[in-house]
């Protein structure tokens, strides 16, 4: 007798079973060992900011990253499998300001720069832990950090000079909480790279020093976008600057068939047709006017402007 096949699938339960199977059989570790010593293919992860839980757009991007790495592994390449976390900048700082109820940069200065930086590191570690859990749940294969270790280090930063021990790549690693956080992603600890790491920051300073020595850095004047609230310059690529241009993009109009309404469809216009495969619903505006048009033997709904 064949095993009965259910007519409906509980996908969340199925996903949990698959993840548990991978964990119990050490499928990822076996794949890494299988490809060790083979031609290397190095993927450098464009890090997402560890300021909040992952969004749907992050999950979408990580799915493609995971798919491509699995493809390269199946071709017999040795991979690094190192995830990255962006831990610096306004994305983290503004969230910490909200936590503390701050309204301006003066509040940060009154609170103390060093103490504020510590709070930013703690938030980055907490949400890096959350994003690791989400990514594992997503089925994304990487050399992940232990989320509980990241949370532990975040708590230990309350006393940054205290000595603590964590499990490293080849055994226990002991150092002050501050220095352990600065060593995250190093060969002895493993796991994701963090932009707040000492290695990353020292490398940036070393690069700037070399550029200065070669005469490539100079002091001058320039007009730049400035945020009066945050008291900082803004990234020019995120706002309209002299790089703005009027472009003509080809548009595409497609039918979205209405569920349980044969021969009735919404007409959707888009300039990004590559996103259509991920669409699961269409939004209509409650205050806009839409018309129903007979086209051959079917009816189409479209906006009236």
Protein backbone atom coordinates (compact mmCIF):
# COMPACT_ATOMS: atom_id res chain seq x y z
CA UNK A 1 0.00 0.00 0.00
CA UNK A 2 1.17 3.49 -0.81
CA UNK A 3 1.37 6.10 1.92
CA UNK A 4 -1.63 8.40 1.79
CA UNK A 5 -0.84 11.76 0.20
CA UNK A 6 -2.70 14.69 1.80
CA UNK A 7 -4.74 16.91 -0.49
CA UNK A 8 -3.42 20.02 1.25
CA UNK A 9 0.12 20.79 2.35
CA UNK A 10 1.03 22.55 5.60
CA UNK A 11 3.96 24.47 4.17
CA UNK A 12 5.24 26.00 7.46
CA UNK A 13 5.27 22.53 9.05
CA UNK A 14 7.03 21.12 5.98
CA UNK A 15 9.66 23.87 6.13
CA UNK A 16 10.35 23.15 9.81
CA UNK A 17 10.76 19.44 9.01
CA UNK A 18 13.23 20.18 6.21
CA UNK A 19 15.29 22.56 8.37
CA UNK A 20 15.33 19.97 11.18
CA UNK A 21 16.44 17.29 8.69
CA UNK A 22 19.28 19.51 7.44
CA UNK A 23 20.37 20.15 11.04
CA UNK A 24 20.22 16.52 12.18
CA UNK A 25 22.03 15.17 9.11
CA UNK A 26 24.54 18.08 9.06
CA UNK A 27 23.76 18.52 5.37
CA UNK A 28 25.42 21.95 5.15
CA UNK A 29 28.60 20.81 6.92
CA UNK A 30 28.84 17.78 4.62
CA UNK A 31 28.51 19.97 1.53
CA UNK A 32 31.28 22.26 2.80
CA UNK A 33 33.53 19.25 3.46
CA UNK A 34 32.69 17.70 0.08
CA UNK A 35 33.85 20.78 -1.84
CA UNK A 36 36.89 21.57 0.30
CA UNK A 37 40.02 21.98 -1.83
CA UNK A 38 38.08 22.38 -5.08
CA UNK A 39 38.18 25.54 -7.25
CA UNK A 40 37.15 28.50 -5.11
CA UNK A 41 34.23 30.78 -5.85
CA UNK A 42 34.09 33.70 -3.46
CA UNK A 43 30.79 35.42 -2.79
CA UNK A 44 31.02 38.70 -0.86
CA UNK A 45 27.67 39.36 0.77
CA UNK A 46 26.33 42.89 0.42
CA UNK A 47 25.37 43.30 4.08
CA UNK A 48 21.93 44.34 5.23
CA UNK A 49 21.70 46.72 8.17
CA UNK A 50 21.26 45.07 11.55
CA UNK A 51 18.86 47.71 12.85
CA UNK A 52 15.53 45.85 12.72
CA UNK A 53 14.12 42.44 11.72
CA UNK A 54 14.47 41.54 8.05
CA UNK A 55 11.87 42.85 5.63
CA UNK A 56 10.30 40.96 2.74
CA UNK A 57 12.70 42.65 0.32
CA UNK A 58 15.65 41.29 2.31
CA UNK A 59 14.19 37.78 2.24
CA UNK A 60 13.71 38.05 -1.51
CA UNK A 61 17.31 39.13 -2.08
CA UNK A 62 18.70 36.47 0.24
CA UNK A 63 16.73 33.79 -1.59
CA UNK A 64 18.52 34.70 -4.83
CA UNK A 65 21.90 34.76 -3.06
CA UNK A 66 21.28 31.33 -1.56
CA UNK A 67 20.11 29.94 -4.90
CA UNK A 68 23.24 31.12 -6.70
CA UNK A 69 25.57 29.78 -4.00
CA UNK A 70 23.86 26.39 -4.09
CA UNK A 71 24.26 26.37 -7.87
CA UNK A 72 28.00 27.06 -7.58
CA UNK A 73 28.36 24.41 -4.86
CA UNK A 74 26.61 21.87 -7.12
CA UNK A 75 29.15 22.73 -9.82
CA UNK A 76 31.90 21.68 -7.40
CA UNK A 77 33.20 24.99 -6.05
CA UNK A 78 34.52 25.67 -2.57
CA UNK A 79 32.62 28.63 -1.09
CA UNK A 80 33.27 30.97 1.85
CA UNK A 81 29.64 31.08 3.02
CA UNK A 82 30.20 34.30 4.97
CA UNK A 83 27.22 36.53 5.62
CA UNK A 84 27.64 40.24 6.38
CA UNK A 85 25.99 42.75 8.71
CA UNK A 86 26.09 46.52 8.24
CA UNK A 87 26.21 47.94 11.77
CA UNK A 88 27.00 51.64 11.33
CA UNK A 89 25.34 54.82 10.18
CA UNK A 90 22.01 56.58 10.53
CA UNK A 91 19.92 53.43 10.07
CA UNK A 92 21.12 52.13 13.44
CA UNK A 93 21.61 55.49 15.14
CA UNK A 94 18.11 56.83 14.47
CA UNK A 95 16.55 53.65 15.89
CA UNK A 96 18.63 54.00 19.06
CA UNK A 97 17.60 57.66 19.32
CA UNK A 98 13.98 56.52 19.21
CA UNK A 99 14.66 53.94 21.91
CA UNK A 100 16.12 56.63 24.15
CA UNK A 101 13.52 59.27 23.27
CA UNK A 102 16.08 61.65 21.76
CA UNK A 103 14.99 64.51 19.50
CA UNK A 104 18.28 65.97 18.28
CA UNK A 105 22.04 65.53 18.13
CA UNK A 106 22.36 67.64 21.28
CA UNK A 107 20.56 64.89 23.19
CA UNK A 108 23.26 62.45 22.04
CA UNK A 109 26.05 64.80 23.14
CA UNK A 110 24.42 65.29 26.54
CA UNK A 111 24.01 61.52 26.91
CA UNK A 112 27.64 60.88 25.97
CA UNK A 113 29.08 59.78 22.62
CA UNK A 114 30.78 56.65 24.01
CA UNK A 115 27.61 55.50 25.77
CA UNK A 116 25.54 56.15 22.63
CA UNK A 117 27.99 54.18 20.47
CA UNK A 118 27.70 51.29 22.94
CA UNK A 119 23.91 51.35 22.61
CA UNK A 120 24.26 51.27 18.81
CA UNK A 121 26.55 48.22 19.01
CA UNK A 122 24.12 46.47 21.34
CA UNK A 123 21.18 47.07 19.01
CA UNK A 124 23.19 45.89 16.00
CA UNK A 125 24.11 42.66 17.80
CA UNK A 126 20.54 42.00 18.97
CA UNK A 127 19.07 42.45 15.52
CA UNK A 128 21.91 40.56 13.86
CA UNK A 129 20.85 37.65 16.10
CA UNK A 130 17.24 38.11 15.01
CA UNK A 131 18.19 38.24 11.33
CA UNK A 132 20.29 35.08 11.70
CA UNK A 133 17.24 33.27 13.06
CA UNK A 134 15.08 34.61 10.24
CA UNK A 135 17.65 33.62 7.61
CA UNK A 136 17.95 30.08 8.99
CA UNK A 137 14.15 29.87 8.96
CA UNK A 138 14.30 31.03 5.35
CA UNK A 139 16.54 28.05 4.53
CA UNK A 140 19.57 30.23 3.72
CA UNK A 141 22.85 28.29 4.03
CA UNK A 142 25.71 30.29 5.55
CA UNK A 143 28.35 29.97 8.26
CA UNK A 144 25.93 31.47 10.77
CA UNK A 145 26.78 32.89 14.17
CA UNK A 146 25.00 31.47 17.19
CA UNK A 147 22.18 33.99 17.83
CA UNK A 148 22.41 33.44 21.58
CA UNK A 149 26.12 34.28 21.51
CA UNK A 150 25.37 37.58 19.79
CA UNK A 151 22.70 38.41 22.37
CA UNK A 152 25.10 37.43 25.14
CA UNK A 153 27.78 39.78 23.79
CA UNK A 154 25.22 42.58 23.53
CA UNK A 155 24.44 42.19 27.24
CA UNK A 156 28.13 41.91 28.16
CA UNK A 157 28.80 45.29 26.52
CA UNK A 158 27.14 46.89 29.54
CA UNK A 159 30.55 46.22 31.11
CA UNK A 160 32.80 46.30 28.01
CA UNK A 161 36.04 45.67 29.93
CA UNK A 162 34.88 42.44 31.59
CA UNK A 163 36.46 39.21 30.34
CA UNK A 164 34.06 36.71 28.79
CA UNK A 165 34.41 33.44 26.88
CA UNK A 166 32.55 32.41 23.74
CA UNK A 167 32.76 29.36 21.50
CA UNK A 168 34.97 30.02 18.50
CA UNK A 169 35.61 28.14 15.28
CA UNK A 170 38.02 25.68 16.88
CA UNK A 171 37.33 26.11 20.57
CA UNK A 172 36.71 28.66 23.33
CA UNK A 173 37.86 32.25 22.76
CA UNK A 174 38.37 34.53 25.76
CA UNK A 175 38.78 38.30 25.73
CA UNK A 176 37.05 41.44 26.95
CA UNK A 177 33.50 41.91 25.70
CA UNK A 178 34.56 44.98 23.71
CA UNK A 179 37.43 43.17 21.98
CA UNK A 180 35.37 40.04 21.27
CA UNK A 181 32.77 42.18 19.50
CA UNK A 182 35.60 43.79 17.54
CA UNK A 183 36.85 40.31 16.50
CA UNK A 184 33.52 39.03 15.16
CA UNK A 185 33.95 37.44 11.74
CA UNK A 186 37.66 36.73 12.31
CA UNK A 187 39.05 33.27 11.44
CA UNK A 188 39.23 32.22 15.10
CA UNK A 189 35.59 33.14 15.78
CA UNK A 190 34.04 32.58 12.35
CA UNK A 191 30.51 33.49 11.37
CA UNK A 192 29.39 36.70 9.70
CA UNK A 193 31.54 39.74 9.11
CA UNK A 194 30.42 42.89 10.92
CA UNK A 195 31.24 46.38 9.65
CA UNK A 196 31.81 47.41 13.28
CA UNK A 197 34.72 44.97 13.59
CA UNK A 198 38.19 46.28 14.39
CA UNK A 199 39.62 44.68 11.25
CA UNK A 200 37.11 46.49 9.04
CA UNK A 201 37.66 49.87 10.68
CA UNK A 202 41.47 49.57 10.76
CA UNK A 203 41.46 48.58 7.09
CA UNK A 204 39.47 51.71 6.21
CA UNK A 205 41.88 53.90 8.18
CA UNK A 206 44.86 52.18 6.53
CA UNK A 207 43.37 52.84 3.09
CA UNK A 208 42.73 56.50 3.90
CA UNK A 209 46.30 56.82 5.21
CA UNK A 210 47.73 55.43 1.96
CA UNK A 211 45.49 57.71 -0.10
CA UNK A 212 46.68 60.69 1.98
CA UNK A 213 50.33 59.72 1.54
CA UNK A 214 49.85 59.56 -2.23
CA UNK A 215 48.26 63.02 -2.25
CA UNK A 216 44.83 61.77 -3.27
CA UNK A 217 43.03 63.37 -0.32
CA UNK A 218 42.74 67.13 -0.03
CA UNK A 219 40.77 69.68 1.95
CA UNK A 220 38.40 71.86 -0.01
CA UNK A 221 34.91 73.29 -0.19
CA UNK A 222 31.81 71.81 -1.76
CA UNK A 223 28.05 72.16 -1.64
CA UNK A 224 26.46 69.07 -0.15
CA UNK A 225 23.05 67.96 1.13
CA UNK A 226 22.83 68.37 4.91
CA UNK A 227 20.31 67.11 7.44
CA UNK A 228 19.77 69.83 10.10
CA UNK A 229 18.04 67.36 12.41
CA UNK A 230 20.80 64.71 12.33
CA UNK A 231 23.62 67.26 11.81
CA UNK A 232 25.22 65.14 9.13
CA UNK A 233 25.75 65.04 5.39
CA UNK A 234 23.33 62.92 3.36
CA UNK A 235 24.26 60.37 0.71
CA UNK A 236 23.85 62.06 -2.64
CA UNK A 237 22.76 58.86 -4.36
CA UNK A 238 19.64 58.81 -2.14
CA UNK A 239 18.34 62.23 -3.15
CA UNK A 240 17.80 64.21 -6.35
CA UNK A 241 21.05 65.94 -7.32
CA UNK A 242 22.69 67.07 -10.53
CA UNK A 243 22.69 63.43 -11.62
CA UNK A 244 18.90 63.54 -12.15
CA UNK A 245 17.79 62.83 -15.70
CA UNK A 246 14.45 62.44 -17.44
CA UNK A 247 14.32 58.96 -18.98
CA UNK A 248 11.83 57.16 -21.18
CA UNK A 249 11.24 53.56 -20.14
CA UNK A 250 9.21 51.03 -22.10
CA UNK A 251 5.98 50.17 -20.27
CA UNK A 252 4.22 46.83 -20.20
CA UNK A 253 0.50 46.22 -19.61
CA UNK A 254 -0.54 42.78 -18.39
CA UNK A 255 -3.73 41.04 -17.33
CA UNK A 256 -4.24 39.94 -13.72
CA UNK A 257 -7.17 37.46 -13.87
CA UNK A 258 -9.71 37.92 -11.07
CA UNK A 259 -10.22 34.91 -8.83
CA UNK A 260 -13.56 33.10 -9.25
CA UNK A 261 -14.61 35.58 -11.96
CA UNK A 262 -14.03 34.00 -15.38
CA UNK A 263 -13.04 36.28 -18.25
CA UNK A 264 -12.55 39.27 -15.94
CA UNK A 265 -9.12 40.81 -15.38
CA UNK A 266 -7.37 43.85 -13.94
CA UNK A 267 -5.06 45.65 -16.35
CA UNK A 268 -1.74 46.38 -14.65
CA UNK A 269 0.90 48.71 -16.08
CA UNK A 270 4.54 48.39 -15.05
CA UNK A 271 8.02 49.49 -16.08
CA UNK A 272 9.61 46.68 -14.03
CA UNK A 273 8.30 43.48 -15.66
CA UNK A 274 11.01 41.38 -13.99
CA UNK A 275 9.10 41.75 -10.71
CA UNK A 276 5.91 40.16 -12.05
CA UNK A 277 6.89 36.61 -11.09
CA UNK A 278 6.84 37.58 -7.41
CA UNK A 279 3.47 39.37 -7.47
CA UNK A 280 0.72 37.71 -5.43
CA UNK A 281 -1.88 40.50 -5.27
CA UNK A 282 -2.86 43.84 -6.79
CA UNK A 283 -3.83 46.97 -4.87
CA UNK A 284 -6.63 49.34 -5.88
CA UNK A 285 -7.10 52.85 -4.52
CA UNK A 286 -10.37 53.44 -2.63
CA UNK A 287 -10.68 57.03 -3.95
CA UNK A 288 -9.78 56.44 -7.60
CA UNK A 289 -12.23 55.81 -10.42
CA UNK A 290 -12.02 52.55 -12.33
CA UNK A 291 -13.87 51.53 -15.47
CA UNK A 292 -15.08 48.17 -16.72
CA UNK A 293 -14.41 47.73 -20.45
CA UNK A 294 -15.71 44.96 -22.69
CA UNK A 295 -12.90 43.61 -24.87
CA UNK A 296 -13.98 40.78 -27.18
CA UNK A 297 -15.60 38.16 -24.97
CA UNK A 298 -13.98 39.36 -21.73
CA UNK A 299 -14.10 42.33 -19.36
CA UNK A 300 -11.12 44.42 -18.31
CA UNK A 301 -10.85 46.78 -15.32
CA UNK A 302 -8.53 49.77 -15.50
CA UNK A 303 -8.03 53.13 -13.84
CA UNK A 304 -9.65 56.26 -15.26
CA UNK A 305 -7.54 59.41 -15.14
